[in-house]
Protein backbone atom coordinates (compact mmCIF):
# COMPACT_ATOMS: atom_id res chain seq x y z
CA MET A 1 33.21 20.55 16.66
CA ARG A 2 31.57 23.95 16.61
CA LEU A 3 30.97 25.65 13.28
CA LYS A 4 33.51 28.46 13.10
CA LYS A 5 33.17 29.95 9.66
CA VAL A 6 30.57 29.73 6.92
CA VAL A 7 31.25 30.83 3.36
CA LEU A 8 28.25 30.97 1.04
CA LEU A 9 28.59 31.63 -2.68
CA ILE A 10 25.25 32.25 -4.38
CA SER A 11 24.51 33.00 -7.99
CA VAL A 12 21.27 32.74 -9.95
CA PHE A 13 21.86 29.02 -10.43
CA TRP A 14 23.99 27.55 -7.67
CA VAL A 15 25.09 27.67 -4.07
CA VAL A 16 28.10 26.19 -2.33
CA VAL A 17 28.28 26.10 1.46
CA PHE A 18 31.33 25.03 3.43
CA CYS A 19 32.95 25.81 6.77
CA ILE A 20 36.46 26.58 7.89
CA CYS A 21 37.18 26.10 11.57
CA GLN A 22 39.18 28.95 13.07
CA GLY A 23 38.68 31.19 16.07
CA THR A 24 35.36 31.58 17.84
CA TRP A 25 33.42 33.56 15.23
CA ALA A 26 31.38 32.72 12.17
CA GLU A 27 31.96 34.91 9.15
CA VAL A 28 29.35 34.76 6.42
CA SER A 29 30.27 35.60 2.84
CA ILE A 30 27.49 35.98 0.25
CA ARG A 31 27.74 36.61 -3.47
CA ASP A 32 24.35 38.07 -4.38
CA PHE A 33 22.19 38.20 -7.51
CA TRP A 34 24.46 40.79 -9.14
CA GLY A 35 27.66 38.97 -8.28
CA LYS A 36 28.52 41.40 -5.46
CA GLU A 37 30.22 39.82 -2.46
CA VAL A 38 28.84 40.79 0.94
CA VAL A 39 30.68 39.73 4.10
CA LEU A 40 29.01 39.59 7.51
CA GLU A 41 31.20 39.20 10.58
CA GLU A 42 28.64 36.78 11.97
CA PRO A 43 25.09 35.64 11.14
CA ALA A 44 22.66 38.55 11.08
CA HIS A 45 20.59 38.99 14.25
CA ARG A 46 18.79 42.14 13.08
CA ILE A 47 17.33 41.85 9.57
CA ILE A 48 15.14 44.16 7.52
CA SER A 49 13.31 42.30 4.75
CA LEU A 50 12.08 44.39 1.84
CA TYR A 51 10.55 41.61 -0.24
CA THR A 52 7.49 39.52 0.57
CA ALA A 53 9.20 36.25 -0.40
CA HIS A 54 12.15 36.93 1.91
CA THR A 55 9.81 37.72 4.80
CA GLU A 56 7.68 34.59 4.35
CA SER A 57 10.71 32.36 3.94
CA LEU A 58 12.37 33.78 7.06
CA TYR A 59 9.24 32.95 9.05
CA PHE A 60 9.10 29.42 7.64
CA LEU A 61 12.79 29.13 8.53
CA GLY A 62 12.03 30.07 12.13
CA ALA A 63 14.00 33.32 11.92
CA GLN A 64 11.15 35.66 12.82
CA GLU A 65 12.99 36.90 15.91
CA ASN A 66 15.79 38.12 13.64
CA LEU A 67 13.31 40.13 11.62
CA ILE A 68 13.07 43.71 12.93
CA ALA A 69 11.19 45.33 10.03
CA VAL A 70 9.48 44.49 6.74
CA SER A 71 8.25 46.28 3.63
CA THR A 72 4.77 47.74 3.17
CA SER A 73 3.74 44.81 0.94
CA CYS A 74 4.67 41.99 3.33
CA ASP A 75 1.42 40.24 4.24
CA PHE A 76 2.16 36.74 5.52
CA PRO A 77 2.17 35.15 8.03
CA PRO A 78 -0.33 36.94 10.33
CA GLU A 79 2.38 37.93 12.85
CA VAL A 80 4.02 40.10 10.20
CA ALA A 81 1.37 42.73 10.88
CA LEU A 82 3.14 43.44 14.18
CA LYS A 83 6.51 44.22 12.57
CA LYS A 84 7.82 47.72 11.94
CA ILE A 85 7.50 48.99 8.37
CA VAL A 86 10.30 50.29 6.16
CA ASP A 87 9.53 51.72 2.72
CA TYR A 88 12.35 51.71 0.18
CA ARG A 89 10.47 54.37 -1.78
CA SER A 90 10.96 56.92 0.99
CA ASP A 91 13.77 58.33 3.12
CA PRO A 92 16.30 55.61 4.10
CA GLU A 93 16.86 57.20 7.52
CA LYS A 94 14.19 55.02 9.14
CA ALA A 95 15.97 51.89 8.01
CA ILE A 96 19.34 53.24 9.12
CA ALA A 97 17.97 54.19 12.55
CA LEU A 98 16.96 50.57 13.19
CA LYS A 99 20.65 49.55 12.96
CA PRO A 100 20.14 46.32 11.01
CA ASP A 101 22.91 43.77 10.52
CA ALA A 102 21.61 43.17 6.98
CA VAL A 103 18.88 44.39 4.65
CA LEU A 104 17.44 41.82 2.22
CA VAL A 105 16.08 43.08 -1.10
CA ARG A 106 15.32 41.80 -4.58
CA ASP A 107 16.70 43.10 -7.87
CA TYR A 108 13.69 45.42 -8.37
CA VAL A 109 14.81 47.56 -5.43
CA VAL A 110 18.43 47.69 -6.56
CA THR A 111 17.43 48.65 -10.11
CA ASN A 112 14.69 51.17 -9.36
CA TYR A 113 15.77 52.65 -6.01
CA PRO A 114 19.58 52.74 -6.15
CA ARG A 115 19.83 55.80 -3.90
CA PHE A 116 18.11 53.92 -1.08
CA VAL A 117 20.63 51.09 -1.41
CA GLU A 118 23.58 53.49 -1.69
CA ALA A 119 22.49 55.36 1.44
CA LEU A 120 22.46 52.15 3.50
CA GLU A 121 25.73 50.86 2.13
CA GLY A 122 27.24 54.30 2.67
CA VAL A 123 26.89 53.90 6.45
CA GLY A 124 28.13 50.31 6.42
CA ILE A 125 24.80 48.44 6.36
CA PRO A 126 25.03 45.34 4.11
CA VAL A 127 22.33 45.17 1.43
CA ILE A 128 21.87 41.65 0.03
CA ASP A 129 19.97 41.08 -3.21
CA LEU A 130 18.47 37.58 -3.46
CA ASN A 131 16.24 36.97 -6.45
CA PRO A 132 15.09 33.35 -6.99
CA GLU A 133 13.29 33.12 -10.31
CA HIS A 134 12.73 29.39 -10.80
CA LEU A 135 11.73 26.41 -8.69
CA ALA A 136 15.25 25.06 -9.12
CA ASP A 137 16.60 28.17 -7.37
CA LEU A 138 14.70 27.61 -4.13
CA ASP A 139 17.09 25.17 -2.47
CA ASP A 140 19.93 27.63 -2.95
CA TYR A 141 17.71 30.47 -1.83
CA PHE A 142 16.72 28.74 1.41
CA ALA A 143 20.38 27.82 1.97
CA ALA A 144 21.36 31.48 1.53
CA LEU A 145 18.79 32.62 4.09
CA GLY A 146 19.93 29.84 6.42
CA ALA A 147 23.55 30.98 6.19
CA ILE A 148 22.64 34.65 6.69
CA THR A 149 20.65 33.84 9.84
CA GLY A 150 22.84 31.03 11.14
CA LEU A 151 20.01 28.54 10.63
CA SER A 152 21.48 26.29 7.96
CA GLY A 153 20.04 23.15 9.53
CA GLN A 154 16.53 24.59 9.47
CA ALA A 155 17.08 25.67 5.87
CA ARG A 156 17.82 22.08 4.86
CA LYS A 157 14.68 20.89 6.63
CA LEU A 158 12.65 23.60 4.89
CA SER A 159 13.93 22.42 1.50
CA GLU A 160 13.13 18.82 2.37
CA SER A 161 9.58 19.58 3.49
CA PHE A 162 9.00 21.75 0.42
CA HIS A 163 10.10 18.95 -1.91
CA GLN A 164 7.94 16.45 -0.04
CA GLU A 165 4.87 18.67 -0.52
CA ILE A 166 5.62 19.10 -4.23
CA THR A 167 6.24 15.38 -4.71
CA LYS A 168 2.92 14.42 -3.06
CA ILE A 169 0.93 16.70 -5.34
CA VAL A 170 2.74 15.68 -8.52
CA ALA A 171 2.18 12.02 -7.61
CA LYS A 172 -1.59 12.56 -7.46
CA ILE A 173 -1.77 13.65 -11.11
CA SER A 174 1.11 11.55 -12.44
CA ASN A 175 -1.15 8.93 -14.07
CA ILE A 176 -2.94 11.38 -16.39
CA PRO A 177 -2.06 10.43 -19.99
CA PRO A 178 -0.39 13.20 -22.03
CA GLU A 179 -3.35 13.36 -24.44
CA GLN A 180 -5.74 14.04 -21.52
CA ARG A 181 -3.77 16.88 -19.97
CA LYS A 182 -5.69 20.14 -19.76
CA LYS A 183 -4.76 23.06 -22.00
CA VAL A 184 -4.55 26.25 -19.97
CA PHE A 185 -4.43 29.98 -20.49
CA PHE A 186 -3.14 31.96 -17.53
CA GLU A 187 -4.12 35.61 -17.23
CA SER A 188 -1.58 37.69 -15.32
CA VAL A 189 -3.01 41.10 -16.28
CA ALA A 190 -6.50 41.54 -17.72
CA LYS A 191 -5.58 44.56 -19.84
CA ASP A 192 -4.57 43.33 -23.31
CA TYR A 193 -4.78 39.77 -21.93
CA LYS A 194 -1.21 39.52 -20.74
CA THR A 195 0.06 36.19 -19.51
CA VAL A 196 3.21 34.89 -17.81
CA THR A 197 6.58 34.59 -19.47
CA PRO A 198 7.43 30.99 -20.39
CA GLY A 199 9.85 29.44 -17.91
CA THR A 200 8.72 31.57 -14.96
CA LEU A 201 7.39 30.15 -11.70
CA VAL A 202 3.74 30.12 -12.78
CA ASP A 203 4.59 28.42 -16.05
CA GLU A 204 6.58 25.78 -14.15
CA LEU A 205 3.72 25.22 -11.70
CA ILE A 206 1.19 24.79 -14.52
CA ALA A 207 3.37 22.07 -16.03
CA LEU A 208 3.84 20.32 -12.67
CA ALA A 209 0.07 20.49 -12.09
CA GLY A 210 -0.47 18.56 -15.32
CA GLY A 211 -1.42 21.51 -17.50
CA ILE A 212 -0.28 22.59 -20.96
CA ASN A 213 0.29 26.33 -21.28
CA VAL A 214 -1.24 27.41 -24.61
CA ALA A 215 0.70 30.68 -24.41
CA SER A 216 4.12 29.05 -24.29
CA SER A 217 5.23 31.16 -27.26
CA ALA A 218 4.39 34.48 -25.57
CA ARG A 219 7.18 37.03 -25.37
CA PRO A 220 8.05 39.29 -22.41
CA VAL A 221 6.62 42.81 -22.56
CA ARG A 222 10.19 43.98 -21.94
CA SER A 223 13.54 42.38 -21.29
CA GLY A 224 13.60 40.47 -18.01
CA SER A 225 9.86 40.86 -17.34
CA ARG A 226 7.78 37.99 -15.97
CA ILE A 227 4.75 39.39 -17.83
CA ALA A 228 4.27 38.40 -21.46
CA ALA A 229 2.23 40.00 -24.22
CA PHE A 230 -0.55 37.89 -25.75
CA GLY A 231 -3.71 39.81 -26.69
CA ILE A 232 -7.35 39.02 -27.28
CA GLU A 233 -6.90 38.08 -30.94
CA ARG A 234 -4.42 35.31 -30.21
CA LEU A 235 -6.53 34.19 -27.27
CA LEU A 236 -9.69 33.89 -29.38
CA SER A 237 -7.80 31.98 -32.05
CA LEU A 238 -7.36 29.26 -29.40
CA ALA A 239 -10.97 29.40 -28.20
CA ASP A 240 -11.72 25.74 -28.95
CA GLU A 241 -8.47 24.51 -27.40
CA ILE A 242 -8.53 26.14 -23.98
CA ASP A 243 -9.87 23.69 -21.39
CA VAL A 244 -9.24 25.86 -18.34
CA TYR A 245 -8.93 29.64 -17.97
CA LEU A 246 -6.85 30.68 -14.97
CA ALA A 247 -6.24 34.19 -13.67
CA GLN A 248 -4.12 35.43 -10.84
CA ARG A 249 -5.59 37.92 -8.41
CA GLY A 250 -3.32 40.54 -6.93
CA VAL A 251 -2.29 44.18 -7.02
CA MET A 252 -1.91 44.16 -10.80
CA ASN A 253 -5.02 42.13 -11.53
CA ARG A 254 -8.05 42.68 -9.31
CA VAL A 255 -10.43 40.17 -10.84
CA THR A 256 -13.07 37.69 -9.72
CA ARG A 257 -14.31 34.50 -11.33
CA LYS A 258 -17.68 36.16 -11.95
CA SER A 259 -16.14 39.20 -13.66
CA ILE A 260 -14.21 36.98 -16.05
CA LEU A 261 -17.25 34.87 -16.91
CA GLU A 262 -19.18 38.07 -17.70
CA ARG A 263 -16.67 39.41 -20.22
CA PRO A 264 -18.52 39.36 -23.56
CA GLU A 265 -15.33 38.92 -25.60
CA LEU A 266 -14.61 35.58 -23.89
CA ARG A 267 -17.96 33.89 -24.53
CA SER A 268 -16.59 31.77 -27.35
CA LEU A 269 -13.86 30.17 -25.20
CA ARG A 270 -14.55 26.54 -24.40
CA ALA A 271 -13.37 27.09 -20.80
CA VAL A 272 -15.89 29.91 -20.35
CA LYS A 273 -18.75 27.94 -21.93
CA GLU A 274 -18.05 25.04 -19.57
CA GLY A 275 -17.49 27.25 -16.52
CA ARG A 276 -13.89 26.18 -16.10
CA VAL A 277 -12.68 29.62 -15.05
CA TYR A 278 -10.77 29.96 -11.80
CA VAL A 279 -8.91 32.66 -9.91
CA VAL A 280 -5.81 31.97 -7.82
CA ASP A 281 -4.04 34.34 -5.46
CA GLU A 282 -0.73 35.54 -6.86
CA ALA A 283 0.87 35.18 -3.40
CA ILE A 284 0.94 31.39 -3.76
CA VAL A 285 1.87 31.07 -7.44
CA SER A 286 4.12 34.04 -8.24
CA ARG A 287 5.96 34.63 -4.97
CA PRO A 288 9.11 32.46 -4.70
CA GLY A 289 8.88 30.73 -1.33
CA PRO A 290 7.50 27.75 0.60
CA ARG A 291 3.85 28.55 -0.20
CA LEU A 292 4.43 27.67 -3.85
CA SER A 293 3.49 24.14 -2.81
CA TRP A 294 0.09 25.55 -1.81
CA GLY A 295 -0.17 27.17 -5.23
CA LEU A 296 0.72 23.95 -7.02
CA GLU A 297 -1.96 22.09 -5.08
CA GLU A 298 -4.52 24.79 -5.88
CA LEU A 299 -3.71 24.71 -9.62
CA ALA A 300 -3.86 20.90 -9.68
CA ARG A 301 -7.27 20.99 -7.95
CA MET A 302 -8.52 23.50 -10.52
CA LEU A 303 -7.34 21.40 -13.46
CA TYR A 304 -8.34 17.99 -12.09
CA PRO A 305 -10.94 18.42 -9.29
CA GLU A 306 -12.11 14.84 -9.68
CA ILE A 307 -8.73 13.52 -8.52
CA PHE A 308 -8.83 15.50 -5.29
CA GLU A 309 -12.50 14.70 -4.71
CA ASP A 310 -11.51 11.04 -4.52
CA LEU A 311 -11.00 10.87 -0.76
CA LYS A 312 -9.85 7.28 -0.35
CA GLU A 313 -6.77 8.38 1.61
CA PHE A 314 -9.11 9.73 4.31
CA ALA A 315 -11.35 6.62 4.46
CA PHE A 316 -9.71 4.99 7.48
CA PRO A 317 -11.63 3.18 10.23
CA GLU A 318 -10.30 5.31 13.08
CA ALA A 319 -11.82 8.58 14.30
CA ILE A 320 -10.82 11.53 12.14
CA SER A 321 -9.48 14.67 13.76
CA ARG A 322 -10.98 18.09 13.11
CA ALA A 323 -7.82 19.27 11.32
CA VAL A 324 -7.63 16.29 8.96
CA ALA A 325 -11.38 16.50 8.40
CA ALA A 326 -10.97 20.13 7.35
CA GLN A 327 -8.63 19.06 4.55
CA ALA A 328 -11.03 16.30 3.45
CA VAL A 329 -13.95 18.75 3.32
CA VAL A 330 -11.98 21.38 1.37
CA TRP A 331 -10.80 18.80 -1.14
CA GLY A 332 -14.01 16.81 -1.30
CA LEU A 333 -16.24 19.83 -1.95
CA GLY A 334 -13.78 21.77 -4.10
CA ILE A 335 -13.61 24.80 -1.81
CA PRO A 336 -11.11 27.43 -3.00
CA LEU A 337 -8.25 27.92 -0.58
CA TYR A 338 -8.50 31.06 1.53
CA VAL A 339 -5.35 33.16 1.23
CA PRO A 340 -5.42 35.98 3.80
CA THR A 341 -4.18 39.46 2.98
CA LYS A 342 -2.70 42.20 5.13
CA LYS A 343 -6.11 43.86 5.17
CA ASP A 344 -7.63 40.75 6.77
CA PHE A 345 -5.29 41.03 9.74
CA LYS A 346 -6.65 44.47 10.59
CA THR A 347 -10.33 43.54 10.78
CA GLU A 348 -12.36 43.20 13.95
CA GLY A 349 -12.92 39.86 15.66
CA TYR A 350 -11.32 36.67 14.40
CA VAL A 351 -8.62 36.93 11.74
CA ALA A 352 -6.44 34.22 10.23
CA GLY A 353 -3.81 32.86 12.57
CA LYS A 354 -5.55 33.74 15.84
CA CYS A 355 -6.19 30.19 17.00
CA GLU A 356 -3.93 29.57 19.98
CA ASP A 357 -3.73 25.84 19.28
CA LEU A 358 -3.08 25.94 15.53
CA SER A 359 0.11 27.37 14.10
CA TRP A 360 -0.01 28.93 10.63
CA SER A 361 2.99 26.74 9.77
CA ASP A 362 1.00 23.55 10.44
CA SER A 363 0.24 21.75 7.18
CA PHE A 364 -3.50 21.62 7.99
CA SER A 365 -3.86 25.27 9.01
CA ARG A 366 -4.72 26.50 5.51
CA TYR A 367 -7.71 24.14 5.32
CA VAL A 368 -8.89 25.06 8.79
CA GLU A 369 -8.58 28.77 8.05
CA THR A 370 -10.52 28.22 4.82
CA LEU A 371 -13.43 26.63 6.70
CA ILE A 372 -13.33 29.35 9.34
CA HIS A 373 -13.35 32.02 6.60
CA THR A 374 -16.45 30.51 5.00
CA GLY A 375 -18.23 30.62 8.36
CA ALA A 376 -18.61 26.84 8.52
CA ALA A 377 -16.13 26.22 11.34
CA VAL A 378 -16.34 28.59 14.29
CA PRO A 379 -13.40 28.68 16.71
CA GLU A 380 -14.19 28.46 20.40
CA GLN A 381 -13.59 31.71 22.22
CA LYS A 382 -12.40 31.74 25.83
CA GLU A 383 -11.32 34.87 27.68
CA GLY A 384 -10.66 36.70 24.43
CA LYS A 385 -8.62 33.86 22.90
CA PHE A 386 -9.60 31.52 20.07
CA PHE A 387 -9.21 27.73 19.93
CA PHE A 388 -9.94 25.25 17.15
CA HIS A 389 -8.97 21.99 18.94
CA PRO A 390 -7.41 20.50 15.78
CA ASP A 391 -6.55 17.12 17.34
CA GLN A 392 -10.00 16.44 18.77
CA PRO A 393 -12.20 14.04 16.77
CA LEU A 394 -14.84 15.54 14.49
CA THR A 395 -18.36 14.90 15.81
CA ARG A 396 -21.54 14.34 13.86
CA VAL A 397 -23.08 17.63 14.91
CA GLU A 398 -19.98 19.53 13.84
CA LEU A 399 -20.03 17.94 10.39
CA ALA A 400 -23.75 18.69 10.06
CA ARG A 401 -23.05 22.32 10.95
CA TRP A 402 -20.16 22.60 8.45
CA LEU A 403 -22.16 21.11 5.58
CA TYR A 404 -25.31 23.09 6.37
CA ILE A 405 -23.29 26.32 6.07
CA LEU A 406 -21.34 25.21 3.00
CA LEU A 407 -24.13 23.69 0.92
CA ASP A 408 -27.75 24.34 0.03
CA PHE A 409 -30.03 21.34 0.55
CA GLU A 410 -33.54 21.03 -0.85
CA VAL A 411 -35.85 19.40 1.68
CA GLU A 412 -39.60 19.01 1.23
CA ASN A 413 -41.85 20.18 4.08
CA GLY A 414 -42.68 17.37 6.45
CA ASP A 415 -39.61 15.30 5.50
CA PHE A 416 -37.82 16.01 8.78
CA THR A 417 -37.02 12.98 10.92
CA VAL A 418 -37.92 13.18 14.61
CA LEU A 419 -34.66 12.96 16.54
CA VAL A 420 -34.94 12.55 20.29
CA ASP A 421 -31.35 13.35 21.27
CA ILE A 422 -30.78 16.81 19.76
CA ASN A 423 -32.90 18.93 22.10
CA SER A 424 -29.87 20.03 24.09
CA LEU A 425 -28.26 21.50 20.96
CA SER A 426 -28.51 25.16 20.06
CA ARG A 427 -31.35 26.13 17.74
CA ALA A 428 -28.86 26.64 14.90
CA ASP A 429 -27.31 23.20 15.40
CA GLN A 430 -30.73 21.56 15.61
CA THR A 431 -31.63 23.10 12.25
CA ALA A 432 -28.33 21.97 10.73
CA VAL A 433 -28.86 18.40 11.91
CA LEU A 434 -32.50 18.20 10.80
CA VAL A 435 -31.82 19.60 7.32
CA THR A 436 -28.75 17.48 6.62
CA VAL A 437 -30.39 14.31 7.94
CA ALA A 438 -33.51 15.01 5.85
CA SER A 439 -31.33 15.42 2.77
CA GLY A 440 -30.15 11.84 3.16
CA ILE A 441 -26.43 12.44 3.52
CA PHE A 442 -26.32 10.68 6.90
CA ASP A 443 -28.26 7.62 5.68
CA GLY A 444 -26.85 4.44 7.17
CA LEU A 445 -25.08 6.26 9.99
CA ILE A 446 -28.02 6.94 12.30
CA SER A 447 -30.23 4.46 14.07
CA GLY A 448 -33.94 5.13 14.50
CA LYS A 449 -34.56 8.44 16.21
CA HIS A 450 -31.06 8.82 17.60
CA PHE A 451 -28.52 11.04 15.85
CA GLU A 452 -25.83 10.76 18.55
CA PRO A 453 -24.61 14.32 17.90
CA TYR A 454 -21.39 14.05 19.91
CA ARG A 455 -20.31 10.71 18.51
CA PRO A 456 -16.91 10.96 16.75
CA LEU A 457 -16.87 10.24 13.03
CA THR A 458 -14.44 7.81 11.48
CA GLY A 459 -12.63 8.70 8.29
CA GLU A 460 -14.78 6.16 6.42
CA GLU A 461 -17.98 7.74 7.70
CA LEU A 462 -16.84 11.25 6.80
CA VAL A 463 -16.00 10.19 3.26
CA LYS A 464 -19.41 8.55 2.79
CA VAL A 465 -21.19 11.67 4.01
CA LEU A 466 -19.13 13.94 1.79
CA GLU A 467 -19.79 11.79 -1.27
CA ARG A 468 -23.54 12.04 -0.69
CA ALA A 469 -23.30 15.75 0.12
CA ARG A 470 -21.57 16.36 -3.20
CA GLU A 471 -24.53 14.76 -4.96
CA LYS A 472 -27.34 16.32 -2.95
CA GLY A 473 -26.00 19.75 -2.00
CA ARG A 474 -25.74 22.72 -4.30
CA ARG A 475 -22.39 24.52 -4.40
CA GLY A 476 -22.20 28.19 -5.19
CA PHE A 477 -18.70 29.60 -4.71
CA PHE A 478 -16.66 26.44 -5.12
CA PHE A 479 -14.66 25.01 -7.99
CA GLU A 480 -17.30 24.07 -10.53
CA ARG A 481 -16.98 21.38 -13.14
């Protein structure tokens, strides 16, 4: 039986979806964040998204063809750079001229730019305000987007995959005793040391990652704000308790790990003394959408790097693919995840998402893009197109190249082993092989003077090499203990 009618009721806390079979059309009824009911005669085929979370989620849902324009701040996935831009701060005529079936906004737009909303609604364009604020809201949020686009089945799959990702990460840190959980301060805005409001997405992610938010008593700077006042005095009063200092990087907080470590007022913090200061991109911890699972993983790696450096799940006897190896290297060496920005998509040469054989939605793509961004992994270029070959096995020479770029190895003059089977390699690859072999990280894997550069590595072999590399190589820009 064909689905004839979909009625969706959405509030801040719940969603009900049901169908009534009648006629040959599908009417969609949505009750938005403010309780306003919006009725669409059928699922929207032409959508303008004016919130980054809506745009990302629509792409993850597979509704990118329905998306005809986005806001100026939408920056993921890479294809979004090709979409038309609509700015709710300016004249609404551009949005009206595109003749959308629906315009998706968040409460900020409705509250601060009511004339824009009124202008669209005045000519019969539905404006739908969806505003998920907690992890518990995401299932309903995905269901709402699925109903609006006619992709309810894909919305259920998106929810399932999101929960699976979250569950896997939580399981990795589930055995940490309560008394050993790290105490965390999270900086949302450097000025006056503002943090996040308790109960918001970041606060929830910190708890799921096994952290204890020392600013759980902070109060919002104003009613409804996700930013909370804290201050340097209160922060310093907890100097001996803070195990990890986290800060989000974004439009409101342009910071680096180095700049935080150099702040003289923070020298007394235990986290600063021990170098446990990390920066995470706000796009994966504050933006309600599927990439929150990336953010949770990143926070968990920052709090408990030793758990993710234990690579036993990768130590299988079969050959390891380049994509899976990328994840093992990122985890094993504590490399911060690369989160591309809109600016990155406008640079010359390779930019994130350009590999023809690796979709941004693939679960391994973020690790591959991280290695490419560091310069360790170089995509193959053919006729102006880029290829990573994610399913091909990782070879010894490729691993040597990755680790040579990622780590600094100290090798005494004259310690280089004579290898008779690397002469056909490029000069750069020869150097990478000689230095990494001389460092000892390939001990036990090579026989005599033969390196066998194109021999595939098993998962077990990769793990052994990474464990030695962690001991012998010096890391500069990675997560540091």
